Protein backbone atom coordinates (compact mmCIF):
# COMPACT_ATOMS: atom_id res chain seq x y z
CA MET A 1 -30.99 5.27 13.67
CA ARG A 2 -30.26 8.72 12.27
CA ARG A 3 -28.31 9.66 15.40
CA ALA A 4 -26.17 6.52 15.06
CA GLY A 5 -25.46 7.30 11.38
CA VAL A 6 -24.38 10.84 12.25
CA LEU A 7 -22.13 9.57 15.03
CA THR A 8 -20.47 7.09 12.72
CA LEU A 9 -19.93 9.75 10.10
CA LEU A 10 -18.26 12.09 12.68
CA CYS A 11 -15.97 9.26 13.74
CA VAL A 12 -14.90 8.63 10.19
CA ILE A 13 -14.25 12.33 9.57
CA ALA A 14 -12.05 12.40 12.61
CA LEU A 15 -10.00 9.45 11.37
CA PRO A 16 -7.24 9.78 8.75
CA PRO A 17 -7.78 8.82 5.14
CA LEU A 18 -8.00 5.11 4.14
CA ARG A 19 -4.36 4.36 4.79
CA GLY A 20 -4.90 1.41 7.05
CA GLN A 21 -5.90 -0.78 4.10
CA GLU A 22 -2.41 -0.53 2.51
CA PRO A 23 -0.24 -3.54 3.32
CA THR A 24 3.44 -3.57 3.84
CA PHE A 25 4.80 -4.72 0.45
CA MET A 26 2.22 -4.27 -2.22
CA GLU A 27 0.34 -1.12 -3.18
CA ALA A 28 -3.32 -0.12 -2.70
CA GLY A 29 -5.81 2.20 -4.24
CA THR A 30 -5.32 4.75 -1.47
CA HIS A 31 -4.42 8.42 -1.94
CA PRO A 32 -3.34 11.28 0.40
CA GLY A 33 -5.67 14.20 0.49
CA ALA A 34 -5.12 17.31 -1.59
CA GLY A 35 -2.03 19.05 -0.36
CA GLN A 36 -1.08 16.24 2.03
CA ASN A 37 2.19 14.40 2.25
CA TYR A 38 2.37 10.66 2.98
CA SER A 39 5.82 9.22 3.82
CA ARG A 40 6.82 5.66 4.42
CA ALA A 41 9.98 3.75 5.26
CA VAL A 42 10.19 -0.05 4.99
CA TRP A 43 13.14 -2.14 6.05
CA PHE A 44 13.44 -5.69 4.53
CA ASP A 45 16.29 -8.16 3.86
CA GLY A 46 19.23 -5.61 4.15
CA GLU A 47 17.37 -2.95 2.09
CA SER A 48 15.56 0.17 3.01
CA VAL A 49 12.78 1.58 0.77
CA LEU A 50 11.77 5.20 1.22
CA LYS A 51 8.38 6.17 -0.29
CA HIS A 52 6.63 9.50 -0.51
CA ALA A 53 3.19 10.43 -1.96
CA TYR A 54 1.91 13.99 -2.47
CA GLY A 55 -1.80 14.64 -3.04
CA LEU A 56 -2.30 17.02 -5.92
CA THR A 57 -6.07 16.66 -5.58
CA SER A 58 -8.19 14.08 -3.91
CA ARG A 59 -7.98 11.94 -7.03
CA GLN A 60 -4.40 12.67 -8.20
CA ALA A 61 -1.09 12.05 -6.59
CA LEU A 62 2.66 12.08 -7.34
CA LEU A 63 4.61 9.09 -6.00
CA GLY A 64 8.37 8.62 -5.53
CA GLU A 65 10.50 5.95 -4.02
CA VAL A 66 14.24 5.18 -3.42
CA SER A 67 15.80 1.87 -2.38
CA LEU A 68 18.99 1.87 -0.36
CA THR A 69 21.48 -0.85 0.60
CA GLU A 70 24.85 -0.64 2.36
CA ARG A 71 26.38 0.04 -1.04
CA GLY A 72 24.12 3.08 -1.69
CA VAL A 73 21.17 3.71 -3.98
CA SER A 74 19.98 0.52 -5.59
CA GLY A 75 16.81 1.69 -7.26
CA ALA A 76 14.38 4.61 -7.70
CA GLY A 77 11.09 5.43 -9.36
CA ALA A 78 8.49 8.14 -9.92
CA ARG A 79 4.92 7.80 -10.82
CA PHE A 80 1.63 9.68 -11.30
CA LYS A 81 -1.43 8.15 -9.80
CA GLN A 82 -5.05 8.85 -10.95
CA ARG A 83 -8.20 7.53 -9.23
CA VAL A 84 -10.56 6.38 -11.93
CA TRP A 85 -13.28 4.74 -9.78
CA GLN A 86 -14.83 5.38 -6.39
CA ARG A 87 -18.06 3.97 -5.05
CA ASP A 88 -18.83 4.59 -1.45
CA THR A 89 -21.53 2.37 0.02
CA GLY A 90 -21.33 3.59 3.57
CA PRO A 91 -19.46 5.86 5.95
CA ILE A 92 -16.48 3.41 5.88
CA ASP A 93 -17.35 0.90 3.10
CA THR A 94 -15.94 1.79 -0.27
CA TRP A 95 -14.43 0.52 -3.54
CA ARG A 96 -11.69 2.63 -5.08
CA ALA A 97 -9.39 1.98 -8.13
CA SER A 98 -6.51 3.93 -9.57
CA VAL A 99 -4.15 3.74 -12.50
CA GLN A 100 -0.56 4.84 -12.31
CA ALA A 101 2.26 5.45 -14.77
CA GLY A 102 5.83 6.47 -14.56
CA ALA A 103 9.44 5.20 -14.71
CA ASP A 104 11.53 2.80 -12.66
CA TRP A 105 15.24 2.24 -12.31
CA ARG A 106 17.13 -0.68 -10.75
CA ASP A 107 20.92 -0.91 -10.25
CA GLY A 108 22.59 -2.35 -13.32
CA ARG A 109 19.62 -1.77 -15.60
CA ASP A 110 18.42 0.99 -17.84
CA PRO A 111 15.39 2.96 -16.61
CA GLY A 112 12.06 1.76 -18.06
CA PRO A 113 8.37 2.63 -18.04
CA ARG A 114 6.08 1.32 -15.38
CA LEU A 115 2.31 1.03 -15.68
CA GLY A 116 -0.19 -0.43 -13.24
CA VAL A 117 -3.61 -0.51 -11.75
CA VAL A 118 -4.60 -0.94 -8.07
CA SER A 119 -7.85 -1.43 -6.34
CA THR A 120 -8.96 -1.27 -2.67
CA THR A 121 -12.36 -2.51 -1.40
CA ILE A 122 -13.51 -2.06 2.24
CA ARG A 123 -16.40 -4.00 3.79
CA GLY A 124 -16.85 -3.48 7.50
CA ARG A 125 -13.67 -4.72 9.26
CA HIS A 126 -12.37 -6.33 6.05
CA GLY A 127 -10.10 -4.68 3.42
CA PHE A 128 -9.16 -6.24 0.02
CA ASN A 129 -6.45 -4.93 -2.34
CA ALA A 130 -5.51 -6.10 -5.83
CA GLN A 131 -2.57 -4.87 -8.01
CA ALA A 132 -1.40 -5.55 -11.53
CA ASP A 133 1.91 -3.98 -12.61
CA VAL A 134 4.16 -4.00 -15.69
CA ASN A 135 7.67 -2.67 -14.93
CA ALA A 136 10.15 -2.57 -17.84
CA GLY A 137 12.89 -1.29 -15.44
CA ALA A 138 12.73 -4.41 -13.26
CA PRO A 139 14.65 -7.69 -13.82
CA ASP A 140 12.96 -10.06 -16.24
CA ARG A 141 11.77 -12.37 -13.44
CA GLU A 142 9.95 -9.35 -11.83
CA ARG A 143 8.63 -7.79 -15.11
CA PHE A 144 4.90 -8.56 -14.43
CA ALA A 145 3.48 -8.38 -10.92
CA LEU A 146 0.03 -9.64 -9.80
CA ASN A 147 -0.59 -9.06 -6.04
CA ALA A 148 -3.49 -9.34 -3.65
CA SER A 149 -4.05 -8.85 0.02
CA HIS A 150 -6.54 -9.03 2.86
CA LEU A 151 -6.51 -6.83 5.93
CA TYR A 152 -8.75 -7.32 8.98
CA ARG A 153 -9.35 -4.71 11.69
CA LEU A 154 -8.70 -6.47 14.97
CA ALA A 155 -9.68 -3.51 17.12
CA PRO A 156 -11.67 -1.48 17.58
CA ALA A 157 -14.74 -3.44 16.50
CA ARG A 158 -16.44 -0.08 15.93
CA TYR A 159 -15.05 3.41 15.52
CA THR A 160 -15.99 6.05 18.06
CA VAL A 161 -15.13 9.71 18.64
CA THR A 162 -12.54 8.60 21.14
CA THR A 163 -10.75 6.16 18.79
CA ALA A 164 -7.07 6.99 18.68
CA GLY A 165 -5.84 4.17 16.56
CA ALA A 166 -6.66 0.70 15.09
CA TRP A 167 -4.95 -2.66 14.82
CA TYR A 168 -4.91 -4.65 11.58
CA THR A 169 -3.77 -8.13 10.54
CA MET A 170 -2.24 -8.27 6.97
CA LEU A 171 -2.01 -11.22 4.57
CA GLU A 172 -0.28 -10.64 1.16
CA SER A 173 0.06 -12.85 -1.95
CA LEU A 174 3.00 -11.43 -4.06
CA ASN A 175 3.50 -12.93 -7.52
CA TRP A 176 5.70 -12.29 -10.56
CA ILE A 177 5.61 -13.62 -14.10
CA SER A 178 8.73 -13.29 -16.41
CA PRO A 179 8.33 -12.58 -20.15
CA ASP A 180 9.12 -16.24 -20.85
CA GLY A 181 6.20 -17.35 -18.70
CA ASP A 182 8.06 -18.50 -15.52
CA ALA A 183 6.20 -17.64 -12.36
CA ARG A 184 7.11 -17.31 -8.75
CA GLY A 185 5.21 -16.23 -5.63
CA GLU A 186 5.75 -15.20 -2.01
CA VAL A 187 3.49 -14.82 1.02
CA ALA A 188 3.62 -12.24 3.71
CA ALA A 189 1.70 -11.95 7.02
CA GLY A 190 1.96 -9.11 9.43
CA LEU A 191 0.49 -6.72 11.96
CA LEU A 192 -0.21 -2.99 11.48
CA TYR A 193 -1.08 -0.33 14.06
CA GLU A 194 -2.40 2.97 12.67
CA ALA A 195 -2.84 6.12 14.68
CA ARG A 196 -4.28 9.28 13.37
CA ARG A 197 -1.07 10.69 11.77
CA TRP A 198 1.42 7.79 11.95
CA ALA A 199 1.54 3.96 11.68
CA ALA A 200 3.88 1.16 12.49
CA GLU A 201 4.02 -2.36 10.85
CA VAL A 202 5.94 -5.64 11.04
CA SER A 203 5.55 -8.51 8.60
CA LEU A 204 6.97 -11.95 7.95
CA ARG A 205 7.68 -12.80 4.37
CA TRP A 206 8.20 -16.28 3.04
CA LEU A 207 10.62 -16.27 0.13
CA ASP A 208 10.30 -20.04 -0.10
CA ALA A 209 9.39 -23.04 2.15
CA ASP A 210 12.67 -22.63 4.06
CA THR A 211 13.36 -18.92 4.01
CA VAL A 212 11.53 -16.30 6.05
CA ARG A 213 12.56 -12.69 6.26
CA VAL A 214 11.19 -9.93 8.61
CA GLY A 215 10.05 -6.61 7.28
CA ALA A 216 9.24 -3.51 9.34
CA GLY A 217 8.03 -0.07 8.54
CA VAL A 218 6.76 3.30 9.74
CA ARG A 219 4.30 5.73 8.05
CA MET A 220 3.56 9.40 8.52
CA LEU A 221 0.81 11.62 7.23
CA TRP A 222 1.69 15.34 7.31
């Protein structure tokens, strides 16, 4: 039993940080390690979103993102992210939560403050994320966001010292509430492959019952 536990711990140490539990569209309570850079590019519905995170410490990170369309920059934002809770119940199982604060700008609007909290829980092959966000720089119908997601590790069933990557399914519930109480929601389902230092993803996003868009992305830890 002790030998199996040590082997599992060595496998986890050899793997990258908990990036595989971050879905395509919403955020998660994940952080790059101290001094590490984590870059992402996501393409969706004629827009490219470039994201970057830098780990100040294991619990603090700086985040930045830029949105681009064929007309140029359509939005940008910067935030500080602080982990406020971490409870590890096994070599892989964990519950982590972070708060973040910064500013956001969208084309045609004045910059505004953005505040939020994100949480990630991992239990075996299952990962659960929750996010609540208030963004004064977003359009009124996107002012308050409440998102949730579930990721499932398809393969491998267990990590070993030879594990080079992992496959995940992703299911996201993306929801917005406007200041006057109007609500709308979207659903996304996708597939993620994560290697040790890079990852690739593809996701279908239902904007309504008749409209489906495809999103794709790449990630890099360096």
